[in-house]
C-alpha atoms as a PDB file:
ATOM      1  CA  MET A   1      -4.503  -4.430   0.384  1.00  0.00           C
ATOM      2  CA  THR A   2      -8.146  -5.094   1.097  1.00  0.00           C
ATOM      3  CA  GLN A   3      -9.359  -6.106   4.516  1.00  0.00           C
ATOM      4  CA  VAL A   4     -10.635  -9.593   5.205  1.00  0.00           C
ATOM      5  CA  GLN A   5     -14.394  -9.493   5.592  1.00  0.00           C
ATOM      6  CA  PRO A   6     -15.229 -10.544   9.184  1.00  0.00           C
ATOM      7  CA  GLN A   7     -16.926 -13.932   9.507  1.00  0.00           C
ATOM      8  CA  ASN A   8     -16.423 -14.694  13.220  1.00  0.00           C
ATOM      9  CA  ARG A   9     -13.266 -16.682  12.622  1.00  0.00           C
ATOM     10  CA  MET A  10     -11.319 -15.200  15.529  1.00  0.00           C
ATOM     11  CA  LEU A  11      -8.526 -16.827  17.502  1.00  0.00           C
ATOM     12  CA  ASP A  12      -7.059 -15.605  20.775  1.00  0.00           C
ATOM     13  CA  HIS A  13      -3.423 -15.458  21.862  1.00  0.00           C
ATOM     14  CA  ASP A  14      -3.405 -18.997  23.301  1.00  0.00           C
ATOM     15  CA  ALA A  15      -4.747 -20.478  20.051  1.00  0.00           C
ATOM     16  CA  ILE A  16      -2.091 -18.576  18.075  1.00  0.00           C
ATOM     17  CA  ASP A  17       0.649 -19.668  20.497  1.00  0.00           C
ATOM     18  CA  ALA A  18      -0.356 -23.295  19.922  1.00  0.00           C
ATOM     19  CA  ARG A  19      -0.029 -22.931  16.139  1.00  0.00           C
ATOM     20  CA  ILE A  20       3.339 -21.255  15.621  1.00  0.00           C
ATOM     21  CA  PRO A  21       6.876 -22.095  16.747  1.00  0.00           C
ATOM     22  CA  HIS A  22       7.245 -18.776  18.608  1.00  0.00           C
ATOM     23  CA  GLN A  23       6.302 -19.363  22.226  1.00  0.00           C
ATOM     24  CA  GLY A  24       5.978 -17.195  25.315  1.00  0.00           C
ATOM     25  CA  ASP A  25       6.983 -13.561  24.861  1.00  0.00           C
ATOM     26  CA  MET A  26       8.119 -14.288  21.298  1.00  0.00           C
ATOM     27  CA  CYS A  27       4.520 -14.994  20.257  1.00  0.00           C
ATOM     28  CA  LEU A  28       3.772 -11.381  19.338  1.00  0.00           C
ATOM     29  CA  LEU A  29       0.212 -11.654  18.029  1.00  0.00           C
ATOM     30  CA  ASP A  30      -2.797 -11.321  20.317  1.00  0.00           C
ATOM     31  CA  ARG A  31      -5.712 -12.089  18.055  1.00  0.00           C
ATOM     32  CA  VAL A  32      -6.680 -13.342  14.639  1.00  0.00           C
ATOM     33  CA  ILE A  33      -9.487 -11.022  13.634  1.00  0.00           C
ATOM     34  CA  ASP A  34     -10.471 -13.062  10.594  1.00  0.00           C
ATOM     35  CA  TRP A  35      -9.019 -15.150   7.799  1.00  0.00           C
ATOM     36  CA  ASN A  36      -9.885 -16.911   4.559  1.00  0.00           C
ATOM     37  CA  GLU A  37      -8.008 -18.964   1.959  1.00  0.00           C
ATOM     38  CA  GLN A  38      -6.010 -15.933   0.726  1.00  0.00           C
ATOM     39  CA  LYS A  39      -5.745 -13.510   3.662  1.00  0.00           C
ATOM     40  CA  ILE A  40      -5.483 -13.162   7.394  1.00  0.00           C
ATOM     41  CA  GLU A  41      -5.865 -10.130   9.615  1.00  0.00           C
ATOM     42  CA  CYS A  42      -4.345 -10.127  13.101  1.00  0.00           C
ATOM     43  CA  SER A  43      -3.902  -7.645  15.913  1.00  0.00           C
ATOM     44  CA  ALA A  44      -1.213  -7.173  18.525  1.00  0.00           C
ATOM     45  CA  VAL A  45      -0.514  -5.015  21.546  1.00  0.00           C
ATOM     46  CA  SER A  46       2.868  -6.558  22.411  1.00  0.00           C
ATOM     47  CA  HIS A  47       4.593  -3.609  20.694  1.00  0.00           C
ATOM     48  CA  GLN A  48       3.570  -1.509  23.717  1.00  0.00           C
ATOM     49  CA  SER A  49       5.226  -3.797  26.273  1.00  0.00           C
ATOM     50  CA  ALA A  50       8.539  -2.800  27.819  1.00  0.00           C
ATOM     51  CA  GLU A  51       9.178  -6.566  28.040  1.00  0.00           C
ATOM     52  CA  ASN A  52       8.939  -7.115  24.260  1.00  0.00           C
ATOM     53  CA  PRO A  53      12.007  -9.302  23.530  1.00  0.00           C
ATOM     54  CA  LEU A  54      12.678  -7.492  20.250  1.00  0.00           C
ATOM     55  CA  ARG A  55      13.162  -4.061  21.852  1.00  0.00           C
ATOM     56  CA  ARG A  56      16.639  -2.591  21.563  1.00  0.00           C
ATOM     57  CA  ASN A  57      17.739   0.419  23.602  1.00  0.00           C
ATOM     58  CA  GLY A  58      14.165   0.899  24.782  1.00  0.00           C
ATOM     59  CA  ARG A  59      12.824   1.092  21.222  1.00  0.00           C
ATOM     60  CA  LEU A  60      10.947  -1.136  18.827  1.00  0.00           C
ATOM     61  CA  GLY A  61      11.923  -0.128  15.301  1.00  0.00           C
ATOM     62  CA  VAL A  62       9.397  -0.353  12.485  1.00  0.00           C
ATOM     63  CA  THR A  63      11.341  -3.115  10.704  1.00  0.00           C
ATOM     64  CA  ILE A  64      10.312  -5.436  13.564  1.00  0.00           C
ATOM     65  CA  GLY A  65       6.916  -5.293  11.852  1.00  0.00           C
ATOM     66  CA  ILE A  66       8.325  -7.878   9.434  1.00  0.00           C
ATOM     67  CA  GLU A  67       8.403 -10.381  12.328  1.00  0.00           C
ATOM     68  CA  TYR A  68       4.787  -9.555  13.189  1.00  0.00           C
ATOM     69  CA  ALA A  69       3.861 -10.198   9.552  1.00  0.00           C
ATOM     70  CA  ALA A  70       5.896 -13.429   9.483  1.00  0.00           C
ATOM     71  CA  GLN A  71       3.979 -14.725  12.497  1.00  0.00           C
ATOM     72  CA  ALA A  72       0.690 -13.865  10.777  1.00  0.00           C
ATOM     73  CA  MET A  73       1.916 -15.831   7.735  1.00  0.00           C
ATOM     74  CA  ALA A  74       2.724 -18.796   9.994  1.00  0.00           C
ATOM     75  CA  VAL A  75      -0.728 -18.707  11.572  1.00  0.00           C
ATOM     76  CA  HIS A  76      -2.323 -18.503   8.128  1.00  0.00           C
ATOM     77  CA  GLY A  77      -0.323 -21.491   6.931  1.00  0.00           C
ATOM     78  CA  SER A  78      -1.298 -23.522   9.982  1.00  0.00           C
ATOM     79  CA  LEU A  79      -4.992 -22.687   9.537  1.00  0.00           C
ATOM     80  CA  LEU A  80      -4.859 -23.720   5.878  1.00  0.00           C
ATOM     81  CA  ALA A  81      -3.013 -26.916   6.801  1.00  0.00           C
ATOM     82  CA  GLU A  82      -5.822 -27.920   9.156  1.00  0.00           C
ATOM     83  CA  ARG A  83      -8.011 -28.243   6.088  1.00  0.00           C
ATOM     84  CA  ASN A  84      -5.508 -30.008   3.876  1.00  0.00           C
ATOM     85  CA  THR A  85      -2.391 -31.559   5.438  1.00  0.00           C
ATOM     86  CA  ALA A  86      -0.131 -31.305   8.453  1.00  0.00           C
ATOM     87  CA  PRO A  87       1.377 -27.834   9.039  1.00  0.00           C
ATOM     88  CA  LYS A  88       4.778 -27.251   7.483  1.00  0.00           C
ATOM     89  CA  LYS A  89       7.645 -25.342   9.019  1.00  0.00           C
ATOM     90  CA  GLY A  90       8.640 -22.276   7.065  1.00  0.00           C
ATOM     91  CA  MET A  91      11.588 -19.936   6.796  1.00  0.00           C
ATOM     92  CA  ILE A  92      11.574 -16.501   5.207  1.00  0.00           C
ATOM     93  CA  THR A  93      14.056 -16.553   2.362  1.00  0.00           C
ATOM     94  CA  ARG A  94      13.442 -13.165   0.803  1.00  0.00           C
ATOM     95  CA  VAL A  95      11.866  -9.875   1.832  1.00  0.00           C
ATOM     96  CA  GLN A  96      11.262  -7.362  -0.939  1.00  0.00           C
ATOM     97  CA  ARG A  97       9.362  -4.234  -1.909  1.00  0.00           C
ATOM     98  CA  ILE A  98       9.661  -2.980   1.659  1.00  0.00           C
ATOM     99  CA  ALA A  99       8.324   0.511   2.308  1.00  0.00           C
ATOM    100  CA  LEU A 100       8.777   2.032   5.750  1.00  0.00           C
ATOM    101  CA  HIS A 101       6.247   4.732   6.599  1.00  0.00           C
ATOM    102  CA  ALA A 102       7.299   5.260  10.232  1.00  0.00           C
ATOM    103  CA  GLU A 103      10.381   4.872  12.417  1.00  0.00           C
ATOM    104  CA  ARG A 104       8.950   2.930  15.332  1.00  0.00           C
ATOM    105  CA  LEU A 105       6.207   0.518  16.324  1.00  0.00           C
ATOM    106  CA  ASP A 106       6.288   1.248  20.050  1.00  0.00           C
ATOM    107  CA  ASP A 107       4.971   4.798  19.693  1.00  0.00           C
ATOM    108  CA  CYS A 108       1.684   3.457  18.306  1.00  0.00           C
ATOM    109  CA  SER A 109      -0.902   3.766  21.090  1.00  0.00           C
ATOM    110  CA  ASP A 110      -3.469   1.594  19.262  1.00  0.00           C
ATOM    111  CA  ALA A 111      -3.309  -2.140  18.625  1.00  0.00           C
ATOM    112  CA  LEU A 112      -1.255  -3.008  15.570  1.00  0.00           C
ATOM    113  CA  ARG A 113      -3.231  -4.440  12.655  1.00  0.00           C
ATOM    114  CA  ILE A 114      -1.267  -6.978  10.645  1.00  0.00           C
ATOM    115  CA  MET A 115      -2.682  -8.030   7.290  1.00  0.00           C
ATOM    116  CA  VAL A 116      -1.070 -10.607   5.038  1.00  0.00           C
ATOM    117  CA  GLU A 117      -2.243 -11.890   1.699  1.00  0.00           C
ATOM    118  CA  ARG A 118      -1.030 -15.003  -0.091  1.00  0.00           C
ATOM    119  CA  LEU A 119       0.053 -13.832  -3.538  1.00  0.00           C
ATOM    120  CA  MET A 120       1.211 -17.166  -4.942  1.00  0.00           C
ATOM    121  CA  GLY A 121       2.644 -20.473  -3.891  1.00  0.00           C
ATOM    122  CA  ASP A 122       2.863 -24.223  -4.070  1.00  0.00           C
ATOM    123  CA  GLU A 123       3.921 -27.014  -1.703  1.00  0.00           C
ATOM    124  CA  ARG A 124       7.492 -25.663  -1.449  1.00  0.00           C
ATOM    125  CA  VAL A 125       7.410 -21.855  -1.644  1.00  0.00           C
ATOM    126  CA  VAL A 126       4.797 -19.235  -0.783  1.00  0.00           C
ATOM    127  CA  ARG A 127       4.888 -15.476  -1.343  1.00  0.00           C
ATOM    128  CA  TYR A 128       2.858 -13.102   0.818  1.00  0.00           C
ATOM    129  CA  GLY A 129       2.196  -9.381   0.668  1.00  0.00           C
ATOM    130  CA  PHE A 130       1.854  -7.685   4.048  1.00  0.00           C
ATOM    131  CA  GLU A 131       0.909  -4.453   5.782  1.00  0.00           C
ATOM    132  CA  VAL A 132       1.317  -3.360   9.384  1.00  0.00           C
ATOM    133  CA  ARG A 133      -0.920  -0.509  10.532  1.00  0.00           C
ATOM    134  CA  CYS A 134      -1.500   1.584  13.638  1.00  0.00           C
ATOM    135  CA  GLY A 135      -5.203   2.302  13.407  1.00  0.00           C
ATOM    136  CA  ASP A 136      -5.604   3.548   9.847  1.00  0.00           C
ATOM    137  CA  ARG A 137      -1.970   4.707   9.559  1.00  0.00           C
ATOM    138  CA  LEU A 138       0.241   2.491   7.394  1.00  0.00           C
ATOM    139  CA  LEU A 139       3.556   1.806   9.156  1.00  0.00           C
ATOM    140  CA  LEU A 140       5.185  -0.828   6.951  1.00  0.00           C
ATOM    141  CA  GLU A 141       4.411  -2.819   3.813  1.00  0.00           C
ATOM    142  CA  GLY A 142       6.194  -5.322   1.637  1.00  0.00           C
ATOM    143  CA  GLU A 143       6.398  -8.890   0.395  1.00  0.00           C
ATOM    144  CA  ALA A 144       8.056 -12.004   1.777  1.00  0.00           C
ATOM    145  CA  SER A 145       8.866 -15.382   0.275  1.00  0.00           C
ATOM    146  CA  VAL A 146       8.715 -18.410   2.561  1.00  0.00           C
ATOM    147  CA  ILE A 147      10.262 -21.798   1.841  1.00  0.00           C
ATOM    148  CA  LEU A 148       8.250 -24.600   3.464  1.00  0.00           C
ATOM    149  CA  ASP A 149       9.738 -27.568   5.309  1.00  0.00           C
ATOM    150  CA  ALA A 150      13.093 -25.784   5.353  1.00  0.00           C
END
């Protein structure tokens, strides 16, 4: 997956929180680094917090990266909707081609980098590819289908 070329299109945590249904501690993303019509790149440090609501038994497993990617997809959809129509609610209906390259997210000392790319879609269903990285190390990758206005 190629990186989005920076164009000063950053958003902070509060702007993300205002755009997605996940509020408070469940809003996992800290920053939108950049985005365009096809891709968005975000960062997060919430994986390092002992208060992360998705931790179980003191750990944050790598599969939780799917939720980080889903939130990046939601932000991307809301940013695209600002240009076209009102934002639509979405629900992940299928996750596929998942490859886990680590066991945990919480042992990453750097900010997570979450990159999602819209592969195809229409007004009802969208499919995204995603990657979650710790620095340059790939932790998780896959694809997710989202049904809109579910």
